[in-house]
Every structure is written in C-alpha cells, then in structure tokens.
Amino acid sequence: MVRREKNYGSIEDIWQRSGVPVRALTLLADADAMGTIGLDRREAAWRVRRLPQDDPLPLFAAAQGQELGEEDDMALPEMALPEHVIADYQTARLSLK
C-alpha cells in the first residue's frame, strides 16, 4: 500500500516507509533483491548495514527527516559473476546466474 504512493528511492526510504525490520532488509540485500532501486548486492549490503539496528527513541519516532547523514559516493568494486553465483548459493542455496 505504501509503495502505491511513491516508489522507493533508497534502502533508508524502504526502511522508514514500510516498517520492514533491518534484519529482513539485510537478508534481502544479501540475496541481491535491491536491483529495482539500482543497487547491486554489495552496494545494498553496505547501505543496509548503515541503518540503526534498534527502534528509534520515542522522542524521535515522529520525525520524518532522514536518520542518516549524507555521505560522499564511494566507488565500490564490481562483483564478478563468480562472486554473484557464490553469494547466491550462500544465501538462497541456488543461483539463476
């Protein structure tokens, strides 16, 4: 229902608007499921792991601002096809690549 309003633009956006636990986002990122927002497995894994692991304090729960500060873009090395296949087998026990 939330996605109908506006497509997700980032992992932080998914986390804030959907209420999906960080653990679930971590598993999705590790399974290479963030391609629809333009992130490969490695980039998504790094971004998910930046999210706070605890629920926000009640005082700040109503704040609509971003939780995380802006960071400069880093050029992460591309994952080679064998790395993708290995990561697929480690997370989903199969690979479609």
PDB file of N, CA and C in Angstrom:
ATOM      1  N   MET A   1       0.813  -1.194   0.000  1.00  0.00           N
ATOM      2  CA  MET A   1       0.000   0.000   0.000  1.00  0.00           C
ATOM      3  C   MET A   1       0.860   1.262   0.000  1.00  0.00           C
ATOM      4  N   VAL A   2       1.955   1.235   0.747  1.00  0.00           N
ATOM      5  CA  VAL A   2       2.814   2.407   0.846  1.00  0.00           C
ATOM      6  C   VAL A   2       3.482   2.691  -0.491  1.00  0.00           C
ATOM      7  N   ARG A   3       3.844   1.651  -1.230  1.00  0.00           N
ATOM      8  CA  ARG A   3       4.544   1.833  -2.490  1.00  0.00           C
ATOM      9  C   ARG A   3       3.656   2.498  -3.537  1.00  0.00           C
ATOM     10  N   ARG A   4       2.360   2.359  -3.437  1.00  0.00           N
ATOM     11  CA  ARG A   4       1.462   2.986  -4.407  1.00  0.00           C
ATOM     12  C   ARG A   4       1.577   4.502  -4.371  1.00  0.00           C
ATOM     13  N   GLU A   5       1.877   5.044  -3.204  1.00  0.00           N
ATOM     14  CA  GLU A   5       2.018   6.498  -3.071  1.00  0.00           C
ATOM     15  C   GLU A   5       3.208   7.002  -3.877  1.00  0.00           C
ATOM     16  N   LYS A   6       4.352   6.323  -3.746  1.00  0.00           N
ATOM     17  CA  LYS A   6       5.583   6.748  -4.406  1.00  0.00           C
ATOM     18  C   LYS A   6       6.549   5.575  -4.366  1.00  0.00           C
ATOM     19  N   ASN A   7       7.270   5.335  -5.462  1.00  0.00           N
ATOM     20  CA  ASN A   7       8.253   4.258  -5.477  1.00  0.00           C
ATOM     21  C   ASN A   7       9.354   4.531  -4.468  1.00  0.00           C
ATOM     22  N   TYR A   8       9.951   3.475  -3.986  1.00  0.00           N
ATOM     23  CA  TYR A   8      11.055   3.610  -3.044  1.00  0.00           C
ATOM     24  C   TYR A   8      12.287   4.120  -3.767  1.00  0.00           C
ATOM     25  N   GLY A   9      13.011   5.010  -3.126  1.00  0.00           N
ATOM     26  CA  GLY A   9      14.195   5.585  -3.751  1.00  0.00           C
ATOM     27  C   GLY A   9      15.494   5.094  -3.170  1.00  0.00           C
ATOM     28  N   SER A  10      15.437   4.531  -1.960  1.00  0.00           N
ATOM     29  CA  SER A  10      16.660   4.083  -1.307  1.00  0.00           C
ATOM     30  C   SER A  10      16.301   3.046  -0.245  1.00  0.00           C
ATOM     31  N   ILE A  11      17.314   2.422   0.293  1.00  0.00           N
ATOM     32  CA  ILE A  11      17.091   1.447   1.364  1.00  0.00           C
ATOM     33  C   ILE A  11      16.545   2.146   2.604  1.00  0.00           C
ATOM     34  N   GLU A  12      17.050   3.322   2.896  1.00  0.00           N
ATOM     35  CA  GLU A  12      16.539   4.067   4.046  1.00  0.00           C
ATOM     36  C   GLU A  12      15.061   4.409   3.850  1.00  0.00           C
ATOM     37  N   ASP A  13      14.684   4.732   2.614  1.00  0.00           N
ATOM     38  CA  ASP A  13      13.288   5.022   2.291  1.00  0.00           C
ATOM     39  C   ASP A  13      12.413   3.786   2.520  1.00  0.00           C
ATOM     40  N   ILE A  14      12.878   2.623   2.082  1.00  0.00           N
ATOM     41  CA  ILE A  14      12.142   1.364   2.313  1.00  0.00           C
ATOM     42  C   ILE A  14      11.980   1.137   3.805  1.00  0.00           C
ATOM     43  N   TRP A  15      13.056   1.297   4.548  1.00  0.00           N
ATOM     44  CA  TRP A  15      13.061   1.053   5.994  1.00  0.00           C
ATOM     45  C   TRP A  15      12.078   1.988   6.710  1.00  0.00           C
ATOM     46  N   GLN A  16      12.108   3.276   6.361  1.00  0.00           N
ATOM     47  CA  GLN A  16      11.255   4.247   7.049  1.00  0.00           C
ATOM     48  C   GLN A  16       9.782   4.089   6.688  1.00  0.00           C
ATOM     49  N   ARG A  17       9.486   3.900   5.401  1.00  0.00           N
ATOM     50  CA  ARG A  17       8.093   3.890   4.957  1.00  0.00           C
ATOM     51  C   ARG A  17       7.410   2.550   5.134  1.00  0.00           C
ATOM     52  N   SER A  18       8.138   1.441   5.028  1.00  0.00           N
ATOM     53  CA  SER A  18       7.483   0.132   5.062  1.00  0.00           C
ATOM     54  C   SER A  18       7.442  -0.486   6.453  1.00  0.00           C
ATOM     55  N   GLY A  19       8.380  -0.111   7.302  1.00  0.00           N
ATOM     56  CA  GLY A  19       8.435  -0.718   8.626  1.00  0.00           C
ATOM     57  C   GLY A  19       9.063  -2.104   8.630  1.00  0.00           C
ATOM     58  N   VAL A  20       9.712  -2.469   7.532  1.00  0.00           N
ATOM     59  CA  VAL A  20      10.377  -3.771   7.450  1.00  0.00           C
ATOM     60  C   VAL A  20      11.564  -3.763   8.408  1.00  0.00           C
ATOM     61  N   PRO A  21      11.742  -4.816   9.205  1.00  0.00           N
ATOM     62  CA  PRO A  21      12.876  -4.853  10.135  1.00  0.00           C
ATOM     63  C   PRO A  21      14.210  -4.833   9.391  1.00  0.00           C
ATOM     64  N   VAL A  22      15.217  -4.274  10.031  1.00  0.00           N
ATOM     65  CA  VAL A  22      16.551  -4.194   9.446  1.00  0.00           C
ATOM     66  C   VAL A  22      17.069  -5.593   9.108  1.00  0.00           C
ATOM     67  N   ARG A  23      16.762  -6.568   9.932  1.00  0.00           N
ATOM     68  CA  ARG A  23      17.202  -7.951   9.666  1.00  0.00           C
ATOM     69  C   ARG A  23      16.655  -8.454   8.333  1.00  0.00           C
ATOM     70  N   ALA A  24      15.393  -8.154   8.036  1.00  0.00           N
ATOM     71  CA  ALA A  24      14.794  -8.574   6.767  1.00  0.00           C
ATOM     72  C   ALA A  24      15.441  -7.850   5.595  1.00  0.00           C
ATOM     73  N   LEU A  25      15.715  -6.562   5.760  1.00  0.00           N
ATOM     74  CA  LEU A  25      16.394  -5.818   4.698  1.00  0.00           C
ATOM     75  C   LEU A  25      17.803  -6.357   4.466  1.00  0.00           C
ATOM     76  N   THR A  26      18.466  -6.765   5.541  1.00  0.00           N
ATOM     77  CA  THR A  26      19.801  -7.345   5.412  1.00  0.00           C
ATOM     78  C   THR A  26      19.744  -8.630   4.596  1.00  0.00           C
ATOM     79  N   LEU A  27      18.783  -9.476   4.886  1.00  0.00           N
ATOM     80  CA  LEU A  27      18.635 -10.727   4.137  1.00  0.00           C
ATOM     81  C   LEU A  27      18.290 -10.459   2.677  1.00  0.00           C
ATOM     82  N   LEU A  28      17.431  -9.490   2.425  1.00  0.00           N
ATOM     83  CA  LEU A  28      17.085  -9.148   1.044  1.00  0.00           C
ATOM     84  C   LEU A  28      18.295  -8.588   0.293  1.00  0.00           C
ATOM     85  N   ALA A  29      19.063  -7.746   0.950  1.00  0.00           N
ATOM     86  CA  ALA A  29      20.259  -7.195   0.298  1.00  0.00           C
ATOM     87  C   ALA A  29      21.259  -8.299  -0.003  1.00  0.00           C
ATOM     88  N   ASP A  30      21.449  -9.212   0.939  1.00  0.00           N
ATOM     89  CA  ASP A  30      22.379 -10.320   0.732  1.00  0.00           C
ATOM     90  C   ASP A  30      21.916 -11.252  -0.379  1.00  0.00           C
ATOM     91  N   ALA A  31      20.613 -11.303  -0.618  1.00  0.00           N
ATOM     92  CA  ALA A  31      20.066 -12.159  -1.668  1.00  0.00           C
ATOM     93  C   ALA A  31      19.961 -11.425  -3.013  1.00  0.00           C
ATOM     94  N   ASP A  32      20.552 -10.228  -3.109  1.00  0.00           N
ATOM     95  CA  ASP A  32      20.588  -9.455  -4.357  1.00  0.00           C
ATOM     96  C   ASP A  32      19.192  -9.045  -4.809  1.00  0.00           C
ATOM     97  N   ALA A  33      18.353  -8.608  -3.853  1.00  0.00           N
ATOM     98  CA  ALA A  33      16.974  -8.248  -4.167  1.00  0.00           C
ATOM     99  C   ALA A  33      16.748  -6.738  -4.272  1.00  0.00           C
ATOM    100  N   MET A  34      17.809  -5.947  -4.306  1.00  0.00           N
ATOM    101  CA  MET A  34      17.644  -4.491  -4.341  1.00  0.00           C
ATOM    102  C   MET A  34      17.932  -3.905  -5.714  1.00  0.00           C
ATOM    103  N   GLY A  35      17.920  -4.746  -6.721  1.00  0.00           N
ATOM    104  CA  GLY A  35      18.190  -4.284  -8.075  1.00  0.00           C
ATOM    105  C   GLY A  35      17.159  -3.298  -8.591  1.00  0.00           C
ATOM    106  N   THR A  36      15.921  -3.378  -8.097  1.00  0.00           N
ATOM    107  CA  THR A  36      14.873  -2.476  -8.575  1.00  0.00           C
ATOM    108  C   THR A  36      15.093  -1.037  -8.129  1.00  0.00           C
ATOM    109  N   ILE A  37      15.933  -0.829  -7.118  1.00  0.00           N
ATOM    110  CA  ILE A  37      16.273   0.541  -6.724  1.00  0.00           C
ATOM    111  C   ILE A  37      17.687   0.888  -7.165  1.00  0.00           C
ATOM    112  N   GLY A  38      18.227   0.097  -8.084  1.00  0.00           N
ATOM    113  CA  GLY A  38      19.512   0.414  -8.698  1.00  0.00           C
ATOM    114  C   GLY A  38      20.730   0.033  -7.897  1.00  0.00           C
ATOM    115  N   LEU A  39      20.601  -0.905  -6.965  1.00  0.00           N
ATOM    116  CA  LEU A  39      21.739  -1.306  -6.149  1.00  0.00           C
ATOM    117  C   LEU A  39      22.072  -2.771  -6.388  1.00  0.00           C
ATOM    118  N   ASP A  40      23.355  -3.053  -6.572  1.00  0.00           N
ATOM    119  CA  ASP A  40      23.753  -4.453  -6.664  1.00  0.00           C
ATOM    120  C   ASP A  40      23.924  -4.996  -5.248  1.00  0.00           C
ATOM    121  N   ARG A  41      24.233  -6.257  -5.140  1.00  0.00           N
ATOM    122  CA  ARG A  41      24.312  -6.934  -3.846  1.00  0.00           C
ATOM    123  C   ARG A  41      25.275  -6.238  -2.879  1.00  0.00           C
ATOM    124  N   ARG A  42      26.460  -5.924  -3.348  1.00  0.00           N
ATOM    125  CA  ARG A  42      27.477  -5.349  -2.459  1.00  0.00           C
ATOM    126  C   ARG A  42      27.079  -3.963  -1.979  1.00  0.00           C
ATOM    127  N   GLU A  43      26.630  -3.102  -2.896  1.00  0.00           N
ATOM    128  CA  GLU A  43      26.214  -1.749  -2.526  1.00  0.00           C
ATOM    129  C   GLU A  43      25.035  -1.787  -1.552  1.00  0.00           C
ATOM    130  N   ALA A  44      24.068  -2.643  -1.818  1.00  0.00           N
ATOM    131  CA  ALA A  44      22.900  -2.765  -0.938  1.00  0.00           C
ATOM    132  C   ALA A  44      23.306  -3.263   0.448  1.00  0.00           C
ATOM    133  N   ALA A  45      24.215  -4.224   0.496  1.00  0.00           N
ATOM    134  CA  ALA A  45      24.671  -4.750   1.792  1.00  0.00           C
ATOM    135  C   ALA A  45      25.327  -3.659   2.626  1.00  0.00           C
ATOM    136  N   TRP A  46      26.136  -2.836   1.993  1.00  0.00           N
ATOM    137  CA  TRP A  46      26.782  -1.750   2.728  1.00  0.00           C
ATOM    138  C   TRP A  46      25.758  -0.748   3.239  1.00  0.00           C
ATOM    139  N   ARG A  47      24.805  -0.407   2.405  1.00  0.00           N
ATOM    140  CA  ARG A  47      23.811   0.602   2.813  1.00  0.00           C
ATOM    141  C   ARG A  47      22.879   0.086   3.901  1.00  0.00           C
ATOM    142  N   VAL A  48      22.477  -1.168   3.848  1.00  0.00           N
ATOM    143  CA  VAL A  48      21.603  -1.728   4.885  1.00  0.00           C
ATOM    144  C   VAL A  48      22.325  -1.753   6.219  1.00  0.00           C
ATOM    145  N   ARG A  49      23.589  -2.073   6.194  1.00  0.00           N
ATOM    146  CA  ARG A  49      24.339  -2.173   7.444  1.00  0.00           C
ATOM    147  C   ARG A  49      24.610  -0.819   8.096  1.00  0.00           C
ATOM    148  N   ARG A  50      24.304   0.266   7.401  1.00  0.00           N
ATOM    149  CA  ARG A  50      24.405   1.602   7.991  1.00  0.00           C
ATOM    150  C   ARG A  50      23.151   1.965   8.790  1.00  0.00           C
ATOM    151  N   LEU A  51      22.061   1.247   8.567  1.00  0.00           N
ATOM    152  CA  LEU A  51      20.813   1.583   9.265  1.00  0.00           C
ATOM    153  C   LEU A  51      20.938   1.304  10.761  1.00  0.00           C
ATOM    154  N   PRO A  52      20.290   2.105  11.581  1.00  0.00           N
ATOM    155  CA  PRO A  52      20.293   1.827  13.017  1.00  0.00           C
ATOM    156  C   PRO A  52      19.652   0.471  13.298  1.00  0.00           C
ATOM    157  N   GLN A  53      20.217  -0.275  14.203  1.00  0.00           N
ATOM    158  CA  GLN A  53      19.722  -1.618  14.496  1.00  0.00           C
ATOM    159  C   GLN A  53      18.565  -1.618  15.494  1.00  0.00           C
ATOM    160  N   ASP A  54      18.415  -0.574  16.245  1.00  0.00           N
ATOM    161  CA  ASP A  54      17.346  -0.501  17.242  1.00  0.00           C
ATOM    162  C   ASP A  54      16.218   0.383  16.745  1.00  0.00           C
ATOM    163  N   ASP A  55      15.067   0.250  17.379  1.00  0.00           N
ATOM    164  CA  ASP A  55      13.960   1.156  17.074  1.00  0.00           C
ATOM    165  C   ASP A  55      14.350   2.560  17.520  1.00  0.00           C
ATOM    166  N   PRO A  56      13.883   3.581  16.794  1.00  0.00           N
ATOM    167  CA  PRO A  56      14.221   4.939  17.219  1.00  0.00           C
ATOM    168  C   PRO A  56      13.595   5.256  18.582  1.00  0.00           C
ATOM    169  N   LEU A  57      14.211   6.151  19.293  1.00  0.00           N
ATOM    170  CA  LEU A  57      13.669   6.576  20.576  1.00  0.00           C
ATOM    171  C   LEU A  57      12.305   7.222  20.349  1.00  0.00           C
ATOM    172  N   PRO A  58      11.378   7.072  21.294  1.00  0.00           N
ATOM    173  CA  PRO A  58      10.033   7.630  21.110  1.00  0.00           C
ATOM    174  C   PRO A  58      10.039   9.118  20.782  1.00  0.00           C
ATOM    175  N   LEU A  59      10.981   9.844  21.351  1.00  0.00           N
ATOM    176  CA  LEU A  59      11.052  11.279  21.099  1.00  0.00           C
ATOM    177  C   LEU A  59      11.296  11.556  19.620  1.00  0.00           C
ATOM    178  N   PHE A  60      12.075  10.689  18.965  1.00  0.00           N
ATOM    179  CA  PHE A  60      12.436  10.915  17.571  1.00  0.00           C
ATOM    180  C   PHE A  60      11.611  10.086  16.581  1.00  0.00           C
ATOM    181  N   ALA A  61      10.730   9.241  17.086  1.00  0.00           N
ATOM    182  CA  ALA A  61       9.970   8.353  16.204  1.00  0.00           C
ATOM    183  C   ALA A  61       9.089   9.119  15.223  1.00  0.00           C
ATOM    184  N   ALA A  62       8.600  10.269  15.621  1.00  0.00           N
ATOM    185  CA  ALA A  62       7.702  11.035  14.754  1.00  0.00           C
ATOM    186  C   ALA A  62       8.448  11.883  13.735  1.00  0.00           C
ATOM    187  N   ALA A  63       9.731  11.992  13.881  1.00  0.00           N
ATOM    188  CA  ALA A  63      10.500  12.822  12.955  1.00  0.00           C
ATOM    189  C   ALA A  63      10.487  12.202  11.566  1.00  0.00           C
ATOM    190  N   GLN A  64      10.227  12.992  10.569  1.00  0.00           N
ATOM    191  CA  GLN A  64      10.173  12.500   9.195  1.00  0.00           C
ATOM    192  C   GLN A  64      11.488  12.719   8.460  1.00  0.00           C
ATOM    193  N   GLY A  65      12.448  13.364   9.111  1.00  0.00           N
ATOM    194  CA  GLY A  65      13.728  13.618   8.461  1.00  0.00           C
ATOM    195  C   GLY A  65      14.535  12.342   8.307  1.00  0.00           C
ATOM    196  N   GLN A  66      15.584  12.438   7.528  1.00  0.00           N
ATOM    197  CA  GLN A  66      16.443  11.282   7.330  1.00  0.00           C
ATOM    198  C   GLN A  66      17.204  10.969   8.606  1.00  0.00           C
ATOM    199  N   GLU A  67      17.367   9.681   8.871  1.00  0.00           N
ATOM    200  CA  GLU A  67      18.114   9.232  10.037  1.00  0.00           C
ATOM    201  C   GLU A  67      19.611   9.374   9.819  1.00  0.00           C
ATOM    202  N   LEU A  68      20.027   9.165   8.593  1.00  0.00           N
ATOM    203  CA  LEU A  68      21.454   9.102   8.303  1.00  0.00           C
ATOM    204  C   LEU A  68      21.901  10.352   7.571  1.00  0.00           C
ATOM    205  N   GLY A  69      23.099  10.793   7.863  1.00  0.00           N
ATOM    206  CA  GLY A  69      23.657  11.943   7.177  1.00  0.00           C
ATOM    207  C   GLY A  69      24.103  11.578   5.772  1.00  0.00           C
ATOM    208  N   GLU A  70      24.310  12.593   4.979  1.00  0.00           N
ATOM    209  CA  GLU A  70      24.773  12.372   3.612  1.00  0.00           C
ATOM    210  C   GLU A  70      26.250  11.982   3.636  1.00  0.00           C
ATOM    211  N   GLU A  71      26.607  11.098   2.753  1.00  0.00           N
ATOM    212  CA  GLU A  71      27.991  10.675   2.609  1.00  0.00           C
ATOM    213  C   GLU A  71      28.399  10.801   1.160  1.00  0.00           C
ATOM    214  N   ASP A  72      29.669  11.011   0.945  1.00  0.00           N
ATOM    215  CA  ASP A  72      30.172  11.033  -0.419  1.00  0.00           C
ATOM    216  C   ASP A  72      30.039   9.655  -1.025  1.00  0.00           C
ATOM    217  N   ASP A  73      29.750   9.601  -2.325  1.00  0.00           N
ATOM    218  CA  ASP A  73      29.663   8.320  -3.018  1.00  0.00           C
ATOM    219  C   ASP A  73      31.039   7.681  -3.083  1.00  0.00           C
ATOM    220  N   MET A  74      31.065   6.400  -2.841  1.00  0.00           N
ATOM    221  CA  MET A  74      32.306   5.639  -2.919  1.00  0.00           C
ATOM    222  C   MET A  74      32.200   4.681  -4.091  1.00  0.00           C
ATOM    223  N   ALA A  75      33.277   4.532  -4.785  1.00  0.00           N
ATOM    224  CA  ALA A  75      33.301   3.598  -5.911  1.00  0.00           C
ATOM    225  C   ALA A  75      33.652   2.213  -5.376  1.00  0.00           C
ATOM    226  N   LEU A  76      32.631   1.386  -5.176  1.00  0.00           N
ATOM    227  CA  LEU A  76      32.867   0.022  -4.719  1.00  0.00           C
ATOM    228  C   LEU A  76      33.226  -0.841  -5.917  1.00  0.00           C
ATOM    229  N   PRO A  77      34.116  -1.800  -5.731  1.00  0.00           N
ATOM    230  CA  PRO A  77      34.458  -2.668  -6.859  1.00  0.00           C
ATOM    231  C   PRO A  77      33.258  -3.510  -7.275  1.00  0.00           C
ATOM    232  N   GLU A  78      33.132  -3.690  -8.577  1.00  0.00           N
ATOM    233  CA  GLU A  78      32.052  -4.509  -9.113  1.00  0.00           C
ATOM    234  C   GLU A  78      32.280  -5.967  -8.723  1.00  0.00           C
ATOM    235  N   MET A  79      31.189  -6.664  -8.444  1.00  0.00           N
ATOM    236  CA  MET A  79      31.295  -8.101  -8.154  1.00  0.00           C
ATOM    237  C   MET A  79      31.374  -8.858  -9.476  1.00  0.00           C
ATOM    238  N   ALA A  80      32.322  -9.743  -9.557  1.00  0.00           N
ATOM    239  CA  ALA A  80      32.438 -10.587 -10.741  1.00  0.00           C
ATOM    240  C   ALA A  80      31.314 -11.622 -10.725  1.00  0.00           C
ATOM    241  N   LEU A  81      30.986 -12.177 -11.888  1.00  0.00           N
ATOM    242  CA  LEU A  81      29.923 -13.169 -11.984  1.00  0.00           C
ATOM    243  C   LEU A  81      30.130 -14.340 -11.027  1.00  0.00           C
ATOM    244  N   PRO A  82      31.359 -14.890 -10.897  1.00  0.00           N
ATOM    245  CA  PRO A  82      31.530 -15.988  -9.928  1.00  0.00           C
ATOM    246  C   PRO A  82      31.210 -15.569  -8.486  1.00  0.00           C
ATOM    247  N   GLU A  83      31.511 -14.328  -8.127  1.00  0.00           N
ATOM    248  CA  GLU A  83      31.177 -13.846  -6.785  1.00  0.00           C
ATOM    249  C   GLU A  83      29.663 -13.796  -6.586  1.00  0.00           C
ATOM    250  N   HIS A  84      28.940 -13.353  -7.619  1.00  0.00           N
ATOM    251  CA  HIS A  84      27.477 -13.330  -7.546  1.00  0.00           C
ATOM    252  C   HIS A  84      26.920 -14.742  -7.353  1.00  0.00           C
ATOM    253  N   VAL A  85      27.444 -15.689  -8.115  1.00  0.00           N
ATOM    254  CA  VAL A  85      26.956 -17.069  -8.028  1.00  0.00           C
ATOM    255  C   VAL A  85      27.230 -17.651  -6.639  1.00  0.00           C
ATOM    256  N   ILE A  86      28.424 -17.428  -6.129  1.00  0.00           N
ATOM    257  CA  ILE A  86      28.772 -17.923  -4.789  1.00  0.00           C
ATOM    258  C   ILE A  86      27.857 -17.297  -3.739  1.00  0.00           C
ATOM    259  N   ALA A  87      27.647 -15.984  -3.829  1.00  0.00           N
ATOM    260  CA  ALA A  87      26.771 -15.311  -2.864  1.00  0.00           C
ATOM    261  C   ALA A  87      25.339 -15.821  -2.976  1.00  0.00           C
ATOM    262  N   ASP A  88      24.883 -16.105  -4.208  1.00  0.00           N
ATOM    263  CA  ASP A  88      23.546 -16.679  -4.380  1.00  0.00           C
ATOM    264  C   ASP A  88      23.428 -18.013  -3.657  1.00  0.00           C
ATOM    265  N   TYR A  89      24.418 -18.872  -3.838  1.00  0.00           N
ATOM    266  CA  TYR A  89      24.375 -20.184  -3.184  1.00  0.00           C
ATOM    267  C   TYR A  89      24.462 -20.053  -1.658  1.00  0.00           C
ATOM    268  N   GLN A  90      25.217 -19.085  -1.163  1.00  0.00           N
ATOM    269  CA  GLN A  90      25.335 -18.897   0.279  1.00  0.00           C
ATOM    270  C   GLN A  90      24.035 -18.404   0.907  1.00  0.00           C
ATOM    271  N   THR A  91      23.282 -17.579   0.160  1.00  0.00           N
ATOM    272  CA  THR A  91      22.066 -17.013   0.754  1.00  0.00           C
ATOM    273  C   THR A  91      20.792 -17.765   0.390  1.00  0.00           C
ATOM    274  N   ALA A  92      20.685 -18.219  -0.867  1.00  0.00           N
ATOM    275  CA  ALA A  92      19.433 -18.832  -1.311  1.00  0.00           C
ATOM    276  C   ALA A  92      19.585 -20.304  -1.693  1.00  0.00           C
ATOM    277  N   ARG A  93      20.804 -20.817  -1.651  1.00  0.00           N
ATOM    278  CA  ARG A  93      21.097 -22.223  -1.984  1.00  0.00           C
ATOM    279  C   ARG A  93      20.831 -22.555  -3.450  1.00  0.00           C
ATOM    280  N   LEU A  94      20.694 -21.514  -4.302  1.00  0.00           N
ATOM    281  CA  LEU A  94      20.595 -21.711  -5.730  1.00  0.00           C
ATOM    282  C   LEU A  94      20.968 -20.414  -6.411  1.00  0.00           C
ATOM    283  N   SER A  95      21.254 -20.486  -7.697  1.00  0.00           N
ATOM    284  CA  SER A  95      21.596 -19.285  -8.442  1.00  0.00           C
ATOM    285  C   SER A  95      20.933 -19.332  -9.796  1.00  0.00           C
ATOM    286  N   LEU A  96      20.453 -18.198 -10.241  1.00  0.00           N
ATOM    287  CA  LEU A  96      19.861 -18.088 -11.566  1.00  0.00           C
ATOM    288  C   LEU A  96      20.822 -17.410 -12.547  1.00  0.00           C
ATOM    289  N   LYS A  97      22.036 -17.192 -12.091  1.00  0.00           N
ATOM    290  CA  LYS A  97      23.026 -16.514 -12.932  1.00  0.00           C
ATOM    291  C   LYS A  97      23.960 -17.496 -13.573  1.00  0.00           C
TER     292      LYS A  97
END
